[in-house]
Amino acid sequence: MVGIALCVIGLAGVIGGMIQLAMGSKVRGWPVARGRIEERSVGPSTTTGASRPGRYFEPRVAYSYTVEGKTYTGHRISPAKAAYDETAARRVVDKLPDAVDVRYNPRDPADAYLKATSRSAALLVLLVGLLCVLSGVVAFTANR
């Protein structure tokens, strides 16, 4: 049973890491427009900790940028959402300069991020996932 659980968790990590790597690579290739942070805040996390409200937070921003004469408003920092304690989420928001580079999808300029997903974080998720899968296979075959 432990082996199966490790394999399932590991596969989720492998898939998540691969998605993060692919999305980060795609966003890094998008054109860049100069933008400006209009609002900064910290709010309850929408991605994790639902069973523990008030424990996890996420940085929130609103930024404006112009592409081919049309002004857009974006809210996403990175393709990978993360949850933090409140102090860490505040640090993320406070570190952002007023003037920012906005990476936007050339096919849909309203689709934009301030940062691409970190390659090292995506690789770490992928490697931990692979280790879990391998550990699960070993545990499963050892019980047979």
C-alpha atoms as a PDB file:
ATOM      1  CA  MET A   1       0.000   0.000   0.000  1.00  0.00           C
ATOM      2  CA  VAL A   2       2.851   2.424   0.830  1.00  0.00           C
ATOM      3  CA  GLY A   3       4.493   1.647  -2.502  1.00  0.00           C
ATOM      4  CA  ILE A   4       1.349   2.507  -4.427  1.00  0.00           C
ATOM      5  CA  ALA A   5       0.864   5.731  -2.469  1.00  0.00           C
ATOM      6  CA  LEU A   6       4.475   6.773  -3.148  1.00  0.00           C
ATOM      7  CA  CYS A   7       4.048   6.041  -6.853  1.00  0.00           C
ATOM      8  CA  VAL A   8       0.864   8.134  -7.051  1.00  0.00           C
ATOM      9  CA  ILE A   9       2.449  11.047  -5.170  1.00  0.00           C
ATOM     10  CA  GLY A  10       5.591  10.727  -7.278  1.00  0.00           C
ATOM     11  CA  LEU A  11       3.666  10.702 -10.549  1.00  0.00           C
ATOM     12  CA  ALA A  12       1.858  13.870  -9.487  1.00  0.00           C
ATOM     13  CA  GLY A  13       5.256  15.470  -8.812  1.00  0.00           C
ATOM     14  CA  VAL A  14       6.689  14.325 -12.139  1.00  0.00           C
ATOM     15  CA  ILE A  15       3.680  15.631 -14.061  1.00  0.00           C
ATOM     16  CA  GLY A  16       3.646  18.896 -12.091  1.00  0.00           C
ATOM     17  CA  GLY A  17       7.367  19.430 -12.627  1.00  0.00           C
ATOM     18  CA  MET A  18       7.074  18.777 -16.357  1.00  0.00           C
ATOM     19  CA  ILE A  19       4.141  21.194 -16.662  1.00  0.00           C
ATOM     20  CA  GLN A  20       6.068  23.864 -14.740  1.00  0.00           C
ATOM     21  CA  LEU A  21       9.153  23.411 -16.929  1.00  0.00           C
ATOM     22  CA  ALA A  22       7.102  23.620 -20.137  1.00  0.00           C
ATOM     23  CA  MET A  23       5.087  26.640 -19.002  1.00  0.00           C
ATOM     24  CA  GLY A  24       8.180  28.456 -17.748  1.00  0.00           C
ATOM     25  CA  SER A  25       9.941  27.877 -21.038  1.00  0.00           C
ATOM     26  CA  LYS A  26       6.929  29.133 -22.985  1.00  0.00           C
ATOM     27  CA  VAL A  27       6.568  32.290 -20.856  1.00  0.00           C
ATOM     28  CA  ARG A  28      10.311  33.057 -21.103  1.00  0.00           C
ATOM     29  CA  GLY A  29       9.847  33.147 -24.908  1.00  0.00           C
ATOM     30  CA  TRP A  30       6.994  35.654 -24.815  1.00  0.00           C
ATOM     31  CA  PRO A  31       7.580  39.321 -25.680  1.00  0.00           C
ATOM     32  CA  VAL A  32       8.013  41.850 -22.881  1.00  0.00           C
ATOM     33  CA  ALA A  33       6.107  45.096 -22.356  1.00  0.00           C
ATOM     34  CA  ARG A  34       6.898  47.700 -19.747  1.00  0.00           C
ATOM     35  CA  GLY A  35       4.248  47.830 -17.037  1.00  0.00           C
ATOM     36  CA  ARG A  36       3.431  49.493 -13.744  1.00  0.00           C
ATOM     37  CA  ILE A  37       2.205  48.000 -10.459  1.00  0.00           C
ATOM     38  CA  GLU A  38      -1.127  49.633  -9.596  1.00  0.00           C
ATOM     39  CA  GLU A  39      -2.105  47.643  -6.473  1.00  0.00           C
ATOM     40  CA  ARG A  40      -0.348  45.351  -3.997  1.00  0.00           C
ATOM     41  CA  SER A  41      -1.928  43.197  -1.323  1.00  0.00           C
ATOM     42  CA  VAL A  42      -1.822  39.866   0.443  1.00  0.00           C
ATOM     43  CA  GLY A  43      -4.853  37.616   0.699  1.00  0.00           C
ATOM     44  CA  PRO A  44      -5.861  34.129   1.768  1.00  0.00           C
ATOM     45  CA  SER A  45      -4.470  31.423  -0.484  1.00  0.00           C
ATOM     46  CA  THR A  46      -6.786  30.066  -3.154  1.00  0.00           C
ATOM     47  CA  THR A  47      -4.544  27.088  -3.909  1.00  0.00           C
ATOM     48  CA  THR A  48      -3.814  25.325  -0.631  1.00  0.00           C
ATOM     49  CA  GLY A  49      -4.690  25.159   3.020  1.00  0.00           C
ATOM     50  CA  ALA A  50      -8.441  25.138   2.522  1.00  0.00           C
ATOM     51  CA  SER A  51      -8.670  22.838   5.519  1.00  0.00           C
ATOM     52  CA  ARG A  52      -6.629  25.327   7.558  1.00  0.00           C
ATOM     53  CA  PRO A  53      -8.033  28.786   6.777  1.00  0.00           C
ATOM     54  CA  GLY A  54      -5.963  31.744   7.861  1.00  0.00           C
ATOM     55  CA  ARG A  55      -2.676  29.845   7.639  1.00  0.00           C
ATOM     56  CA  TYR A  56      -1.667  30.314   4.018  1.00  0.00           C
ATOM     57  CA  PHE A  57      -1.513  33.501   1.996  1.00  0.00           C
ATOM     58  CA  GLU A  58      -0.637  34.601  -1.508  1.00  0.00           C
ATOM     59  CA  PRO A  59       0.757  37.825  -2.906  1.00  0.00           C
ATOM     60  CA  ARG A  60      -1.713  39.761  -5.035  1.00  0.00           C
ATOM     61  CA  VAL A  61      -0.993  42.486  -7.546  1.00  0.00           C
ATOM     62  CA  ALA A  62      -2.686  44.464 -10.266  1.00  0.00           C
ATOM     63  CA  TYR A  63      -0.474  45.887 -12.998  1.00  0.00           C
ATOM     64  CA  SER A  64      -1.123  47.749 -16.216  1.00  0.00           C
ATOM     65  CA  TYR A  65       0.792  47.443 -19.484  1.00  0.00           C
ATOM     66  CA  THR A  66       0.298  48.469 -23.085  1.00  0.00           C
ATOM     67  CA  VAL A  67       0.629  46.321 -26.203  1.00  0.00           C
ATOM     68  CA  GLU A  68       0.147  47.865 -29.651  1.00  0.00           C
ATOM     69  CA  GLY A  69      -1.610  50.893 -28.179  1.00  0.00           C
ATOM     70  CA  LYS A  70      -4.094  48.924 -26.059  1.00  0.00           C
ATOM     71  CA  THR A  71      -3.838  48.967 -22.268  1.00  0.00           C
ATOM     72  CA  TYR A  72      -4.308  45.747 -20.310  1.00  0.00           C
ATOM     73  CA  THR A  73      -4.514  44.924 -16.614  1.00  0.00           C
ATOM     74  CA  GLY A  74      -2.849  41.783 -15.278  1.00  0.00           C
ATOM     75  CA  HIS A  75      -2.960  40.082 -11.905  1.00  0.00           C
ATOM     76  CA  ARG A  76      -0.688  37.050 -12.233  1.00  0.00           C
ATOM     77  CA  ILE A  77       2.851  37.036 -10.948  1.00  0.00           C
ATOM     78  CA  SER A  78       3.921  33.576 -12.160  1.00  0.00           C
ATOM     79  CA  PRO A  79       2.315  30.507 -13.766  1.00  0.00           C
ATOM     80  CA  ALA A  80       3.108  28.537 -10.604  1.00  0.00           C
ATOM     81  CA  LYS A  81       0.940  29.623  -7.691  1.00  0.00           C
ATOM     82  CA  ALA A  82       2.459  29.387  -4.259  1.00  0.00           C
ATOM     83  CA  ALA A  83       1.195  29.736  -0.719  1.00  0.00           C
ATOM     84  CA  TYR A  84       3.223  31.456   1.973  1.00  0.00           C
ATOM     85  CA  ASP A  85       2.898  32.552   5.536  1.00  0.00           C
ATOM     86  CA  GLU A  86       1.602  36.114   5.680  1.00  0.00           C
ATOM     87  CA  THR A  87       5.020  37.722   6.227  1.00  0.00           C
ATOM     88  CA  ALA A  88       6.617  35.899   3.291  1.00  0.00           C
ATOM     89  CA  ALA A  89       3.710  36.784   0.983  1.00  0.00           C
ATOM     90  CA  ARG A  90       4.092  40.436   1.993  1.00  0.00           C
ATOM     91  CA  ARG A  91       7.840  40.264   1.190  1.00  0.00           C
ATOM     92  CA  VAL A  92       7.095  38.946  -2.315  1.00  0.00           C
ATOM     93  CA  VAL A  93       4.726  41.841  -2.989  1.00  0.00           C
ATOM     94  CA  ASP A  94       6.997  44.452  -1.440  1.00  0.00           C
ATOM     95  CA  LYS A  95      10.031  43.322  -3.477  1.00  0.00           C
ATOM     96  CA  LEU A  96       8.278  44.040  -6.765  1.00  0.00           C
ATOM     97  CA  PRO A  97       9.383  47.396  -8.215  1.00  0.00           C
ATOM     98  CA  ASP A  98       6.777  49.944  -9.315  1.00  0.00           C
ATOM     99  CA  ALA A  99       7.923  49.614 -12.939  1.00  0.00           C
ATOM    100  CA  VAL A 100       7.895  45.977 -14.095  1.00  0.00           C
ATOM    101  CA  ASP A 101       8.535  43.897 -17.183  1.00  0.00           C
ATOM    102  CA  VAL A 102       5.376  42.051 -18.204  1.00  0.00           C
ATOM    103  CA  ARG A 103       5.676  38.911 -20.308  1.00  0.00           C
ATOM    104  CA  TYR A 104       2.573  38.612 -22.469  1.00  0.00           C
ATOM    105  CA  ASN A 105       1.249  35.975 -24.823  1.00  0.00           C
ATOM    106  CA  PRO A 106       1.636  37.357 -28.365  1.00  0.00           C
ATOM    107  CA  ARG A 107      -1.574  35.549 -29.444  1.00  0.00           C
ATOM    108  CA  ASP A 108      -3.558  36.979 -26.507  1.00  0.00           C
ATOM    109  CA  PRO A 109      -1.878  39.996 -24.867  1.00  0.00           C
ATOM    110  CA  ALA A 110      -4.344  39.836 -21.941  1.00  0.00           C
ATOM    111  CA  ASP A 111      -2.596  36.569 -20.935  1.00  0.00           C
ATOM    112  CA  ALA A 112       0.429  37.810 -18.983  1.00  0.00           C
ATOM    113  CA  TYR A 113       2.830  37.175 -16.094  1.00  0.00           C
ATOM    114  CA  LEU A 114       5.501  39.170 -14.305  1.00  0.00           C
ATOM    115  CA  LYS A 115       7.828  36.169 -14.010  1.00  0.00           C
ATOM    116  CA  ALA A 116       8.320  32.801 -15.630  1.00  0.00           C
ATOM    117  CA  THR A 117       8.287  29.728 -13.412  1.00  0.00           C
ATOM    118  CA  SER A 118      11.657  29.079 -11.793  1.00  0.00           C
ATOM    119  CA  ARG A 119      13.547  26.320 -13.599  1.00  0.00           C
ATOM    120  CA  SER A 120      15.234  25.185 -10.390  1.00  0.00           C
ATOM    121  CA  ALA A 121      11.926  24.910  -8.516  1.00  0.00           C
ATOM    122  CA  ALA A 122      10.364  22.961 -11.390  1.00  0.00           C
ATOM    123  CA  LEU A 123      13.370  20.635 -11.577  1.00  0.00           C
ATOM    124  CA  LEU A 124      13.231  20.087  -7.813  1.00  0.00           C
ATOM    125  CA  VAL A 125       9.550  19.094  -8.020  1.00  0.00           C
ATOM    126  CA  LEU A 126      10.353  16.771 -10.929  1.00  0.00           C
ATOM    127  CA  LEU A 127      13.298  15.126  -9.148  1.00  0.00           C
ATOM    128  CA  VAL A 128      11.424  14.640  -5.873  1.00  0.00           C
ATOM    129  CA  GLY A 129       8.587  13.114  -7.876  1.00  0.00           C
ATOM    130  CA  LEU A 130      10.985  10.708  -9.582  1.00  0.00           C
ATOM    131  CA  LEU A 131      12.475   9.728  -6.218  1.00  0.00           C
ATOM    132  CA  CYS A 132       9.003   9.026  -4.843  1.00  0.00           C
ATOM    133  CA  VAL A 133       8.133   6.883  -7.864  1.00  0.00           C
ATOM    134  CA  LEU A 134      11.379   4.918  -7.526  1.00  0.00           C
ATOM    135  CA  SER A 135      10.866   4.498  -3.781  1.00  0.00           C
ATOM    136  CA  GLY A 136       7.313   3.357  -4.403  1.00  0.00           C
ATOM    137  CA  VAL A 137       8.419   0.781  -6.965  1.00  0.00           C
ATOM    138  CA  VAL A 138      11.073  -0.544  -4.572  1.00  0.00           C
ATOM    139  CA  ALA A 139       8.580  -0.685  -1.679  1.00  0.00           C
ATOM    140  CA  PHE A 140       5.950  -2.367  -3.843  1.00  0.00           C
ATOM    141  CA  THR A 141       8.327  -5.028  -5.207  1.00  0.00           C
ATOM    142  CA  ALA A 142       9.855  -5.668  -1.774  1.00  0.00           C
ATOM    143  CA  ASN A 143       6.419  -6.618  -0.432  1.00  0.00           C
ATOM    144  CA  ARG A 144       5.772  -9.115  -3.208  1.00  0.00           C
END
